[in-house]
Amino acid sequence: MWEKFDPIAILTAAVPVLVAFVSGHFAWVAGKKKASTEAQAAINSGFQVLVANLQAERTELRKIVDKQEAALDRAAAKIEGLEDEVRSLTKHIDRLESALRTAGLDIPPTPNR
């Protein structure tokens, strides 16, 4: 029975099948790597877009914070000026009350607020 099989014929038939299988395997592995590379590129691209959006948002938020800090500085300066004015007026009232006492006059009551 084995006498009818020619080893050369078997090899001639088997080699193309083996080559096709090996070529297919390498093509599959290469395709898998390519798909993986494409997926990684898509992830990287998405990440870069996200980073760019976050940087733009951070820039806008920084502008808002800078404006708020400037407004806070102006408000603090205004408060300081008003506190100085209140101290000055309080000293002036104290001097007026002292002058009224020296003159023997009654000091009017403090108005209710």
PDB file of N, CA and C in Angstrom:
ATOM      1  N   MET A   1       0.795  -1.173   0.000  1.00  0.00           N
ATOM      2  CA  MET A   1       0.000   0.000   0.000  1.00  0.00           C
ATOM      3  C   MET A   1       0.856   1.263   0.000  1.00  0.00           C
ATOM      4  N   TRP A   2       1.901   1.306   0.801  1.00  0.00           N
ATOM      5  CA  TRP A   2       2.770   2.476   0.844  1.00  0.00           C
ATOM      6  C   TRP A   2       3.621   2.584  -0.408  1.00  0.00           C
ATOM      7  N   GLU A   3       3.712   1.515  -1.158  1.00  0.00           N
ATOM      8  CA  GLU A   3       4.508   1.561  -2.367  1.00  0.00           C
ATOM      9  C   GLU A   3       3.915   2.504  -3.398  1.00  0.00           C
ATOM     10  N   LYS A   4       2.611   2.723  -3.321  1.00  0.00           N
ATOM     11  CA  LYS A   4       1.949   3.560  -4.289  1.00  0.00           C
ATOM     12  C   LYS A   4       2.172   5.045  -4.014  1.00  0.00           C
ATOM     13  N   PHE A   5       2.577   5.387  -2.808  1.00  0.00           N
ATOM     14  CA  PHE A   5       2.769   6.791  -2.450  1.00  0.00           C
ATOM     15  C   PHE A   5       4.184   7.216  -2.752  1.00  0.00           C
ATOM     16  N   ASP A   6       4.273   8.239  -3.520  1.00  0.00           N
ATOM     17  CA  ASP A   6       5.577   8.792  -3.880  1.00  0.00           C
ATOM     18  C   ASP A   6       5.921   9.899  -2.874  1.00  0.00           C
ATOM     19  N   PRO A   7       7.043   9.779  -2.120  1.00  0.00           N
ATOM     20  CA  PRO A   7       7.392  10.802  -1.141  1.00  0.00           C
ATOM     21  C   PRO A   7       7.594  12.179  -1.782  1.00  0.00           C
ATOM     22  N   ILE A   8       8.087  12.246  -2.965  1.00  0.00           N
ATOM     23  CA  ILE A   8       8.287  13.518  -3.649  1.00  0.00           C
ATOM     24  C   ILE A   8       6.937  14.173  -3.916  1.00  0.00           C
ATOM     25  N   ALA A   9       5.973  13.374  -4.320  1.00  0.00           N
ATOM     26  CA  ALA A   9       4.639  13.909  -4.600  1.00  0.00           C
ATOM     27  C   ALA A   9       3.988  14.417  -3.316  1.00  0.00           C
ATOM     28  N   ILE A  10       4.204  13.658  -2.254  1.00  0.00           N
ATOM     29  CA  ILE A  10       3.644  14.084  -0.955  1.00  0.00           C
ATOM     30  C   ILE A  10       4.298  15.391  -0.529  1.00  0.00           C
ATOM     31  N   LEU A  11       5.605  15.507  -0.610  1.00  0.00           N
ATOM     32  CA  LEU A  11       6.308  16.740  -0.252  1.00  0.00           C
ATOM     33  C   LEU A  11       5.892  17.891  -1.160  1.00  0.00           C
ATOM     34  N   THR A  12       5.724  17.570  -2.442  1.00  0.00           N
ATOM     35  CA  THR A  12       5.322  18.604  -3.386  1.00  0.00           C
ATOM     36  C   THR A  12       3.942  19.150  -3.024  1.00  0.00           C
ATOM     37  N   ALA A  13       3.086  18.310  -2.541  1.00  0.00           N
ATOM     38  CA  ALA A  13       1.745  18.752  -2.140  1.00  0.00           C
ATOM     39  C   ALA A  13       1.777  19.391  -0.755  1.00  0.00           C
ATOM     40  N   ALA A  14       2.611  18.873   0.150  1.00  0.00           N
ATOM     41  CA  ALA A  14       2.624  19.347   1.534  1.00  0.00           C
ATOM     42  C   ALA A  14       3.333  20.697   1.684  1.00  0.00           C
ATOM     43  N   VAL A  15       4.378  20.926   0.903  1.00  0.00           N
ATOM     44  CA  VAL A  15       5.151  22.165   1.037  1.00  0.00           C
ATOM     45  C   VAL A  15       4.285  23.398   0.763  1.00  0.00           C
ATOM     46  N   PRO A  16       3.510  23.457  -0.319  1.00  0.00           N
ATOM     47  CA  PRO A  16       2.670  24.638  -0.518  1.00  0.00           C
ATOM     48  C   PRO A  16       1.645  24.837   0.601  1.00  0.00           C
ATOM     49  N   VAL A  17       1.116  23.738   1.121  1.00  0.00           N
ATOM     50  CA  VAL A  17       0.158  23.840   2.238  1.00  0.00           C
ATOM     51  C   VAL A  17       0.869  24.400   3.464  1.00  0.00           C
ATOM     52  N   LEU A  18       2.060  23.881   3.745  1.00  0.00           N
ATOM     53  CA  LEU A  18       2.847  24.364   4.875  1.00  0.00           C
ATOM     54  C   LEU A  18       3.226  25.830   4.694  1.00  0.00           C
ATOM     55  N   VAL A  19       3.658  26.204   3.496  1.00  0.00           N
ATOM     56  CA  VAL A  19       4.019  27.598   3.205  1.00  0.00           C
ATOM     57  C   VAL A  19       2.799  28.500   3.364  1.00  0.00           C
ATOM     58  N   ALA A  20       1.645  28.049   2.881  1.00  0.00           N
ATOM     59  CA  ALA A  20       0.421  28.843   3.011  1.00  0.00           C
ATOM     60  C   ALA A  20       0.057  29.024   4.481  1.00  0.00           C
ATOM     61  N   PHE A  21       0.201  27.912   5.253  1.00  0.00           N
ATOM     62  CA  PHE A  21      -0.097  28.002   6.680  1.00  0.00           C
ATOM     63  C   PHE A  21       0.846  28.967   7.396  1.00  0.00           C
ATOM     64  N   VAL A  22       2.140  28.842   7.165  1.00  0.00           N
ATOM     65  CA  VAL A  22       3.139  29.715   7.807  1.00  0.00           C
ATOM     66  C   VAL A  22       2.930  31.162   7.364  1.00  0.00           C
ATOM     67  N   SER A  23       2.688  31.377   6.071  1.00  0.00           N
ATOM     68  CA  SER A  23       2.449  32.734   5.567  1.00  0.00           C
ATOM     69  C   SER A  23       1.197  33.327   6.202  1.00  0.00           C
ATOM     70  N   GLY A  24       0.161  32.519   6.295  1.00  0.00           N
ATOM     71  CA  GLY A  24      -1.075  32.979   6.934  1.00  0.00           C
ATOM     72  C   GLY A  24      -0.864  33.334   8.394  1.00  0.00           C
ATOM     73  N   HIS A  25      -0.088  32.491   9.075  1.00  0.00           N
ATOM     74  CA  HIS A  25       0.205  32.764  10.485  1.00  0.00           C
ATOM     75  C   HIS A  25       0.951  34.097  10.646  1.00  0.00           C
ATOM     76  N   PHE A  26       1.988  34.293   9.823  1.00  0.00           N
ATOM     77  CA  PHE A  26       2.751  35.542   9.910  1.00  0.00           C
ATOM     78  C   PHE A  26       1.894  36.747   9.520  1.00  0.00           C
ATOM     79  N   ALA A  27       1.022  36.568   8.519  1.00  0.00           N
ATOM     80  CA  ALA A  27       0.126  37.661   8.132  1.00  0.00           C
ATOM     81  C   ALA A  27      -0.830  37.989   9.273  1.00  0.00           C
ATOM     82  N   TRP A  28      -1.325  36.961   9.956  1.00  0.00           N
ATOM     83  CA  TRP A  28      -2.222  37.172  11.087  1.00  0.00           C
ATOM     84  C   TRP A  28      -1.515  37.902  12.230  1.00  0.00           C
ATOM     85  N   VAL A  29      -0.284  37.460  12.532  1.00  0.00           N
ATOM     86  CA  VAL A  29       0.495  38.113  13.592  1.00  0.00           C
ATOM     87  C   VAL A  29       0.790  39.564  13.208  1.00  0.00           C
ATOM     88  N   ALA A  30       1.173  39.795  11.952  1.00  0.00           N
ATOM     89  CA  ALA A  30       1.464  41.159  11.496  1.00  0.00           C
ATOM     90  C   ALA A  30       0.201  42.013  11.553  1.00  0.00           C
ATOM     91  N   GLY A  31      -0.928  41.455  11.144  1.00  0.00           N
ATOM     92  CA  GLY A  31      -2.193  42.180  11.201  1.00  0.00           C
ATOM     93  C   GLY A  31      -2.582  42.496  12.624  1.00  0.00           C
ATOM     94  N   LYS A  32      -2.342  41.547  13.509  1.00  0.00           N
ATOM     95  CA  LYS A  32      -2.642  41.763  14.924  1.00  0.00           C
ATOM     96  C   LYS A  32      -1.782  42.887  15.490  1.00  0.00           C
ATOM     97  N   LYS A  33      -0.499  42.877  15.123  1.00  0.00           N
ATOM     98  CA  LYS A  33       0.399  43.936  15.587  1.00  0.00           C
ATOM     99  C   LYS A  33      -0.010  45.277  14.986  1.00  0.00           C
ATOM    100  N   LYS A  34      -0.420  45.254  13.711  1.00  0.00           N
ATOM    101  CA  LYS A  34      -0.846  46.485  13.053  1.00  0.00           C
ATOM    102  C   LYS A  34      -2.102  47.024  13.722  1.00  0.00           C
ATOM    103  N   ALA A  35      -3.043  46.120  14.014  1.00  0.00           N
ATOM    104  CA  ALA A  35      -4.271  46.539  14.698  1.00  0.00           C
ATOM    105  C   ALA A  35      -3.936  47.090  16.076  1.00  0.00           C
ATOM    106  N   SER A  36      -2.996  46.435  16.746  1.00  0.00           N
ATOM    107  CA  SER A  36      -2.573  46.903  18.060  1.00  0.00           C
ATOM    108  C   SER A  36      -1.919  48.273  17.944  1.00  0.00           C
ATOM    109  N   THR A  37      -1.093  48.450  16.920  1.00  0.00           N
ATOM    110  CA  THR A  37      -0.438  49.733  16.692  1.00  0.00           C
ATOM    111  C   THR A  37      -1.469  50.806  16.371  1.00  0.00           C
ATOM    112  N   GLU A  38      -2.456  50.448  15.554  1.00  0.00           N
ATOM    113  CA  GLU A  38      -3.513  51.408  15.223  1.00  0.00           C
ATOM    114  C   GLU A  38      -4.336  51.762  16.454  1.00  0.00           C
ATOM    115  N   ALA A  39      -4.622  50.778  17.283  1.00  0.00           N
ATOM    116  CA  ALA A  39      -5.369  51.033  18.519  1.00  0.00           C
ATOM    117  C   ALA A  39      -4.567  51.943  19.436  1.00  0.00           C
ATOM    118  N   GLN A  40      -3.278  51.676  19.550  1.00  0.00           N
ATOM    119  CA  GLN A  40      -2.423  52.514  20.393  1.00  0.00           C
ATOM    120  C   GLN A  40      -2.363  53.929  19.838  1.00  0.00           C
ATOM    121  N   ALA A  41      -2.297  54.065  18.515  1.00  0.00           N
ATOM    122  CA  ALA A  41      -2.274  55.387  17.888  1.00  0.00           C
ATOM    123  C   ALA A  41      -3.579  56.120  18.173  1.00  0.00           C
ATOM    124  N   ALA A  42      -4.700  55.406  18.122  1.00  0.00           N
ATOM    125  CA  ALA A  42      -5.994  56.025  18.420  1.00  0.00           C
ATOM    126  C   ALA A  42      -6.053  56.463  19.882  1.00  0.00           C
ATOM    127  N   ILE A  43      -5.533  55.645  20.770  1.00  0.00           N
ATOM    128  CA  ILE A  43      -5.503  56.008  22.197  1.00  0.00           C
ATOM    129  C   ILE A  43      -4.624  57.233  22.398  1.00  0.00           C
ATOM    130  N   ASN A  44      -3.443  57.223  21.774  1.00  0.00           N
ATOM    131  CA  ASN A  44      -2.531  58.362  21.906  1.00  0.00           C
ATOM    132  C   ASN A  44      -3.167  59.628  21.360  1.00  0.00           C
ATOM    133  N   SER A  45      -3.826  59.522  20.225  1.00  0.00           N
ATOM    134  CA  SER A  45      -4.480  60.679  19.618  1.00  0.00           C
ATOM    135  C   SER A  45      -5.577  61.216  20.534  1.00  0.00           C
ATOM    136  N   GLY A  46      -6.376  60.312  21.069  1.00  0.00           N
ATOM    137  CA  GLY A  46      -7.432  60.716  22.001  1.00  0.00           C
ATOM    138  C   GLY A  46      -6.856  61.377  23.239  1.00  0.00           C
ATOM    139  N   PHE A  47      -5.765  60.825  23.741  1.00  0.00           N
ATOM    140  CA  PHE A  47      -5.121  61.397  24.923  1.00  0.00           C
ATOM    141  C   PHE A  47      -4.584  62.796  24.617  1.00  0.00           C
ATOM    142  N   GLN A  48      -3.998  62.966  23.431  1.00  0.00           N
ATOM    143  CA  GLN A  48      -3.478  64.280  23.056  1.00  0.00           C
ATOM    144  C   GLN A  48      -4.602  65.301  22.944  1.00  0.00           C
ATOM    145  N   VAL A  49      -5.739  64.891  22.401  1.00  0.00           N
ATOM    146  CA  VAL A  49      -6.899  65.788  22.309  1.00  0.00           C
ATOM    147  C   VAL A  49      -7.375  66.145  23.713  1.00  0.00           C
ATOM    148  N   LEU A  50      -7.443  65.151  24.591  1.00  0.00           N
ATOM    149  CA  LEU A  50      -7.854  65.393  25.972  1.00  0.00           C
ATOM    150  C   LEU A  50      -6.908  66.369  26.658  1.00  0.00           C
ATOM    151  N   VAL A  51      -5.615  66.161  26.516  1.00  0.00           N
ATOM    152  CA  VAL A  51      -4.622  67.053  27.129  1.00  0.00           C
ATOM    153  C   VAL A  51      -4.762  68.465  26.574  1.00  0.00           C
ATOM    154  N   ALA A  52      -4.950  68.590  25.270  1.00  0.00           N
ATOM    155  CA  ALA A  52      -5.113  69.915  24.660  1.00  0.00           C
ATOM    156  C   ALA A  52      -6.366  70.600  25.208  1.00  0.00           C
ATOM    157  N   ASN A  53      -7.460  69.853  25.336  1.00  0.00           N
ATOM    158  CA  ASN A  53      -8.685  70.427  25.884  1.00  0.00           C
ATOM    159  C   ASN A  53      -8.501  70.850  27.334  1.00  0.00           C
ATOM    160  N   LEU A  54      -7.830  70.016  28.109  1.00  0.00           N
ATOM    161  CA  LEU A  54      -7.592  70.358  29.519  1.00  0.00           C
ATOM    162  C   LEU A  54      -6.683  71.580  29.644  1.00  0.00           C
ATOM    163  N   GLN A  55      -5.684  71.688  28.775  1.00  0.00           N
ATOM    164  CA  GLN A  55      -4.803  72.852  28.820  1.00  0.00           C
ATOM    165  C   GLN A  55      -5.564  74.116  28.451  1.00  0.00           C
ATOM    166  N   ALA A  56      -6.448  74.030  27.460  1.00  0.00           N
ATOM    167  CA  ALA A  56      -7.256  75.191  27.079  1.00  0.00           C
ATOM    168  C   ALA A  56      -8.187  75.580  28.220  1.00  0.00           C
ATOM    169  N   GLU A  57      -8.792  74.582  28.856  1.00  0.00           N
ATOM    170  CA  GLU A  57      -9.680  74.857  29.987  1.00  0.00           C
ATOM    171  C   GLU A  57      -8.894  75.475  31.143  1.00  0.00           C
ATOM    172  N   ARG A  58      -7.692  74.957  31.390  1.00  0.00           N
ATOM    173  CA  ARG A  58      -6.853  75.500  32.463  1.00  0.00           C
ATOM    174  C   ARG A  58      -6.500  76.956  32.177  1.00  0.00           C
ATOM    175  N   THR A  59      -6.201  77.274  30.916  1.00  0.00           N
ATOM    176  CA  THR A  59      -5.882  78.648  30.539  1.00  0.00           C
ATOM    177  C   THR A  59      -7.064  79.566  30.815  1.00  0.00           C
ATOM    178  N   GLU A  60      -8.268  79.122  30.447  1.00  0.00           N
ATOM    179  CA  GLU A  60      -9.469  79.923  30.691  1.00  0.00           C
ATOM    180  C   GLU A  60      -9.718  80.092  32.191  1.00  0.00           C
ATOM    181  N   LEU A  61      -9.538  79.016  32.947  1.00  0.00           N
ATOM    182  CA  LEU A  61      -9.721  79.101  34.393  1.00  0.00           C
ATOM    183  C   LEU A  61      -8.682  80.014  35.033  1.00  0.00           C
ATOM    184  N   ARG A  62      -7.464  79.983  34.515  1.00  0.00           N
ATOM    185  CA  ARG A  62      -6.417  80.858  35.049  1.00  0.00           C
ATOM    186  C   ARG A  62      -6.792  82.321  34.839  1.00  0.00           C
ATOM    187  N   LYS A  63      -7.379  82.632  33.667  1.00  0.00           N
ATOM    188  CA  LYS A  63      -7.827  84.005  33.400  1.00  0.00           C
ATOM    189  C   LYS A  63      -8.901  84.417  34.403  1.00  0.00           C
ATOM    190  N   ILE A  64      -9.845  83.518  34.669  1.00  0.00           N
ATOM    191  CA  ILE A  64     -10.914  83.817  35.626  1.00  0.00           C
ATOM    192  C   ILE A  64     -10.329  84.040  37.012  1.00  0.00           C
ATOM    193  N   VAL A  65      -9.414  83.167  37.423  1.00  0.00           N
ATOM    194  CA  VAL A  65      -8.790  83.299  38.739  1.00  0.00           C
ATOM    195  C   VAL A  65      -8.002  84.606  38.830  1.00  0.00           C
ATOM    196  N   ASP A  66      -7.276  84.960  37.770  1.00  0.00           N
ATOM    197  CA  ASP A  66      -6.515  86.216  37.773  1.00  0.00           C
ATOM    198  C   ASP A  66      -7.445  87.412  37.944  1.00  0.00           C
ATOM    199  N   LYS A  67      -8.589  87.395  37.236  1.00  0.00           N
ATOM    200  CA  LYS A  67      -9.560  88.494  37.368  1.00  0.00           C
ATOM    201  C   LYS A  67     -10.114  88.560  38.787  1.00  0.00           C
ATOM    202  N   GLN A  68     -10.418  87.398  39.365  1.00  0.00           N
ATOM    203  CA  GLN A  68     -10.944  87.365  40.727  1.00  0.00           C
ATOM    204  C   GLN A  68      -9.906  87.846  41.734  1.00  0.00           C
ATOM    205  N   GLU A  69      -8.643  87.468  41.521  1.00  0.00           N
ATOM    206  CA  GLU A  69      -7.582  87.927  42.422  1.00  0.00           C
ATOM    207  C   GLU A  69      -7.421  89.441  42.328  1.00  0.00           C
ATOM    208  N   ALA A  70      -7.499  89.990  41.119  1.00  0.00           N
ATOM    209  CA  ALA A  70      -7.390  91.447  40.947  1.00  0.00           C
ATOM    210  C   ALA A  70      -8.564  92.142  41.630  1.00  0.00           C
ATOM    211  N   ALA A  71      -9.781  91.609  41.479  1.00  0.00           N
ATOM    212  CA  ALA A  71     -10.955  92.196  42.140  1.00  0.00           C
ATOM    213  C   ALA A  71     -10.818  92.099  43.655  1.00  0.00           C
ATOM    214  N   LEU A  72     -10.289  91.003  44.138  1.00  0.00           N
ATOM    215  CA  LEU A  72     -10.068  90.832  45.574  1.00  0.00           C
ATOM    216  C   LEU A  72      -9.048  91.835  46.087  1.00  0.00           C
ATOM    217  N   ASP A  73      -7.986  92.055  45.330  1.00  0.00           N
ATOM    218  CA  ASP A  73      -6.968  93.046  45.727  1.00  0.00           C
ATOM    219  C   ASP A  73      -7.578  94.448  45.777  1.00  0.00           C
ATOM    220  N   ARG A  74      -8.424  94.785  44.769  1.00  0.00           N
ATOM    221  CA  ARG A  74      -9.074  96.099  44.772  1.00  0.00           C
ATOM    222  C   ARG A  74     -10.010  96.237  45.967  1.00  0.00           C
ATOM    223  N   ALA A  75     -10.759  95.183  46.269  1.00  0.00           N
ATOM    224  CA  ALA A  75     -11.681  95.215  47.409  1.00  0.00           C
ATOM    225  C   ALA A  75     -10.912  95.358  48.719  1.00  0.00           C
ATOM    226  N   ALA A  76      -9.797  94.648  48.847  1.00  0.00           N
ATOM    227  CA  ALA A  76      -8.984  94.734  50.067  1.00  0.00           C
ATOM    228  C   ALA A  76      -8.433  96.152  50.238  1.00  0.00           C
ATOM    229  N   ALA A  77      -7.990  96.765  49.139  1.00  0.00           N
ATOM    230  CA  ALA A  77      -7.470  98.132  49.210  1.00  0.00           C
ATOM    231  C   ALA A  77      -8.584  99.102  49.601  1.00  0.00           C
ATOM    232  N   LYS A  78      -9.781  98.889  49.055  1.00  0.00           N
ATOM    233  CA  LYS A  78     -10.917  99.756  49.387  1.00  0.00           C
ATOM    234  C   LYS A  78     -11.290  99.608  50.855  1.00  0.00           C
ATOM    235  N   ILE A  79     -11.312  98.378  51.348  1.00  0.00           N
ATOM    236  CA  ILE A  79     -11.612  98.137  52.766  1.00  0.00           C
ATOM    237  C   ILE A  79     -10.578  98.812  53.652  1.00  0.00           C
ATOM    238  N   GLU A  80      -9.323  98.678  53.282  1.00  0.00           N
ATOM    239  CA  GLU A  80      -8.254  99.317  54.068  1.00  0.00           C
ATOM    240  C   GLU A  80      -8.447 100.831  54.098  1.00  0.00           C
ATOM    241  N   GLY A  81      -8.801 101.422  52.959  1.00  0.00           N
ATOM    242  CA  GLY A  81      -9.062 102.859  52.907  1.00  0.00           C
ATOM    243  C   GLY A  81     -10.232 103.257  53.784  1.00  0.00           C
ATOM    244  N   LEU A  82     -11.296 102.463  53.758  1.00  0.00           N
ATOM    245  CA  LEU A  82     -12.466 102.752  54.595  1.00  0.00           C
ATOM    246  C   LEU A  82     -12.133 102.609  56.082  1.00  0.00           C
ATOM    247  N   GLU A  83     -11.328 101.608  56.424  1.00  0.00           N
ATOM    248  CA  GLU A  83     -10.912 101.453  57.830  1.00  0.00           C
ATOM    249  C   GLU A  83     -10.100 102.655  58.277  1.00  0.00           C
ATOM    250  N   ASP A  84      -9.205 103.148  57.406  1.00  0.00           N
ATOM    251  CA  ASP A  84      -8.430 104.351  57.736  1.00  0.00           C
ATOM    252  C   ASP A  84      -9.355 105.548  57.949  1.00  0.00           C
ATOM    253  N   GLU A  85     -10.360 105.674  57.088  1.00  0.00           N
ATOM    254  CA  GLU A  85     -11.299 106.795  57.213  1.00  0.00           C
ATOM    255  C   GLU A  85     -12.097 106.699  58.514  1.00  0.00           C
ATOM    256  N   VAL A  86     -12.522 105.497  58.886  1.00  0.00           N
ATOM    257  CA  VAL A  86     -13.258 105.310  60.143  1.00  0.00           C
ATOM    258  C   VAL A  86     -12.367 105.680  61.326  1.00  0.00           C
ATOM    259  N   ARG A  87     -11.097 105.273  61.315  1.00  0.00           N
ATOM    260  CA  ARG A  87     -10.169 105.641  62.411  1.00  0.00           C
ATOM    261  C   ARG A  87     -10.021 107.157  62.497  1.00  0.00           C
ATOM    262  N   SER A  88      -9.858 107.787  61.344  1.00  0.00           N
ATOM    263  CA  SER A  88      -9.695 109.233  61.307  1.00  0.00           C
ATOM    264  C   SER A  88     -10.942 109.939  61.845  1.00  0.00           C
ATOM    265  N   LEU A  89     -12.114 109.500  61.421  1.00  0.00           N
ATOM    266  CA  LEU A  89     -13.365 110.111  61.892  1.00  0.00           C
ATOM    267  C   LEU A  89     -13.578 109.857  63.382  1.00  0.00           C
ATOM    268  N   THR A  90     -13.197 108.659  63.848  1.00  0.00           N
ATOM    269  CA  THR A  90     -13.324 108.351  65.275  1.00  0.00           C
ATOM    270  C   THR A  90     -12.444 109.282  66.102  1.00  0.00           C
ATOM    271  N   LYS A  91     -11.201 109.510  65.639  1.00  0.00           N
ATOM    272  CA  LYS A  91     -10.308 110.443  66.341  1.00  0.00           C
ATOM    273  C   LYS A  91     -10.906 111.848  66.331  1.00  0.00           C
ATOM    274  N   HIS A  92     -11.486 112.249  65.214  1.00  0.00           N
ATOM    275  CA  HIS A  92     -12.082 113.584  65.100  1.00  0.00           C
ATOM    276  C   HIS A  92     -13.265 113.726  66.073  1.00  0.00           C
ATOM    277  N   ILE A  93     -14.093 112.691  66.164  1.00  0.00           N
ATOM    278  CA  ILE A  93     -15.230 112.715  67.096  1.00  0.00           C
ATOM    279  C   ILE A  93     -14.724 112.785  68.528  1.00  0.00           C
ATOM    280  N   ASP A  94     -13.666 112.013  68.837  1.00  0.00           N
ATOM    281  CA  ASP A  94     -13.096 112.050  70.184  1.00  0.00           C
ATOM    282  C   ASP A  94     -12.633 113.455  70.533  1.00  0.00           C
ATOM    283  N   ARG A  95     -11.987 114.149  69.579  1.00  0.00           N
ATOM    284  CA  ARG A  95     -11.524 115.527  69.828  1.00  0.00           C
ATOM    285  C   ARG A  95     -12.707 116.484  70.019  1.00  0.00           C
ATOM    286  N   LEU A  96     -13.756 116.304  69.212  1.00  0.00           N
ATOM    287  CA  LEU A  96     -14.945 117.153  69.350  1.00  0.00           C
ATOM    288  C   LEU A  96     -15.625 116.939  70.704  1.00  0.00           C
ATOM    289  N   GLU A  97     -15.732 115.664  71.117  1.00  0.00           N
ATOM    290  CA  GLU A  97     -16.326 115.374  72.420  1.00  0.00           C
ATOM    291  C   GLU A  97     -15.491 115.995  73.536  1.00  0.00           C
ATOM    292  N   SER A  98     -14.181 115.927  73.402  1.00  0.00           N
ATOM    293  CA  SER A  98     -13.289 116.527  74.406  1.00  0.00           C
ATOM    294  C   SER A  98     -13.481 118.035  74.447  1.00  0.00           C
ATOM    295  N   ALA A  99     -13.627 118.661  73.275  1.00  0.00           N
ATOM    296  CA  ALA A  99     -13.844 120.113  73.231  1.00  0.00           C
ATOM    297  C   ALA A  99     -15.186 120.470  73.856  1.00  0.00           C
ATOM    298  N   LEU A 100     -16.225 119.654  73.623  1.00  0.00           N
ATOM    299  CA  LEU A 100     -17.542 119.912  74.224  1.00  0.00           C
ATOM    300  C   LEU A 100     -17.462 119.795  75.742  1.00  0.00           C
ATOM    301  N   ARG A 101     -16.753 118.785  76.253  1.00  0.00           N
ATOM    302  CA  ARG A 101     -16.599 118.614  77.699  1.00  0.00           C
ATOM    303  C   ARG A 101     -15.865 119.817  78.302  1.00  0.00           C
ATOM    304  N   THR A 102     -14.797 120.227  77.593  1.00  0.00           N
ATOM    305  CA  THR A 102     -14.012 121.365  78.087  1.00  0.00           C
ATOM    306  C   THR A 102     -14.872 122.613  78.136  1.00  0.00           C
ATOM    307  N   ALA A 103     -15.770 122.760  77.185  1.00  0.00           N
ATOM    308  CA  ALA A 103     -16.646 123.930  77.144  1.00  0.00           C
ATOM    309  C   ALA A 103     -17.834 123.773  78.087  1.00  0.00           C
ATOM    310  N   GLY A 104     -17.965 122.601  78.731  1.00  0.00           N
ATOM    311  CA  GLY A 104     -19.058 122.379  79.671  1.00  0.00           C
ATOM    312  C   GLY A 104     -20.373 122.045  78.988  1.00  0.00           C
ATOM    313  N   LEU A 105     -20.330 121.596  77.746  1.00  0.00           N
ATOM    314  CA  LEU A 105     -21.548 121.250  77.009  1.00  0.00           C
ATOM    315  C   LEU A 105     -21.807 119.746  77.092  1.00  0.00           C
ATOM    316  N   ASP A 106     -23.077 119.385  76.988  1.00  0.00           N
ATOM    317  CA  ASP A 106     -23.445 117.962  76.987  1.00  0.00           C
ATOM    318  C   ASP A 106     -23.126 117.339  75.624  1.00  0.00           C
ATOM    319  N   ILE A 107     -22.682 116.107  75.682  1.00  0.00           N
ATOM    320  CA  ILE A 107     -22.398 115.371  74.458  1.00  0.00           C
ATOM    321  C   ILE A 107     -23.702 114.714  74.018  1.00  0.00           C
ATOM    322  N   PRO A 108     -24.099 114.915  72.779  1.00  0.00           N
ATOM    323  CA  PRO A 108     -25.354 114.286  72.327  1.00  0.00           C
ATOM    324  C   PRO A 108     -25.240 112.765  72.324  1.00  0.00           C
ATOM    325  N   PRO A 109     -26.352 112.068  72.484  1.00  0.00           N
ATOM    326  CA  PRO A 109     -26.291 110.601  72.484  1.00  0.00           C
ATOM    327  C   PRO A 109     -25.946 110.050  71.111  1.00  0.00           C
ATOM    328  N   THR A 110     -25.384 108.856  71.114  1.00  0.00           N
ATOM    329  CA  THR A 110     -25.030 108.199  69.864  1.00  0.00           C
ATOM    330  C   THR A 110     -26.323 107.772  69.161  1.00  0.00           C
ATOM    331  N   PRO A 111     -26.434 108.078  67.873  1.00  0.00           N
ATOM    332  CA  PRO A 111     -27.674 107.698  67.179  1.00  0.00           C
ATOM    333  C   PRO A 111     -27.765 106.170  67.032  1.00  0.00           C
ATOM    334  N   ASN A 112     -29.004 105.679  67.131  1.00  0.00           N
ATOM    335  CA  ASN A 112     -29.210 104.239  66.936  1.00  0.00           C
ATOM    336  C   ASN A 112     -29.163 103.919  65.460  1.00  0.00           C
ATOM    337  N   ARG A 113     -28.539 102.875  65.135  1.00  0.00           N
ATOM    338  CA  ARG A 113     -28.432 102.500  63.745  1.00  0.00           C
ATOM    339  C   ARG A 113     -29.182 101.243  63.470  1.00  0.00           C
TER     340      ARG A 113
END
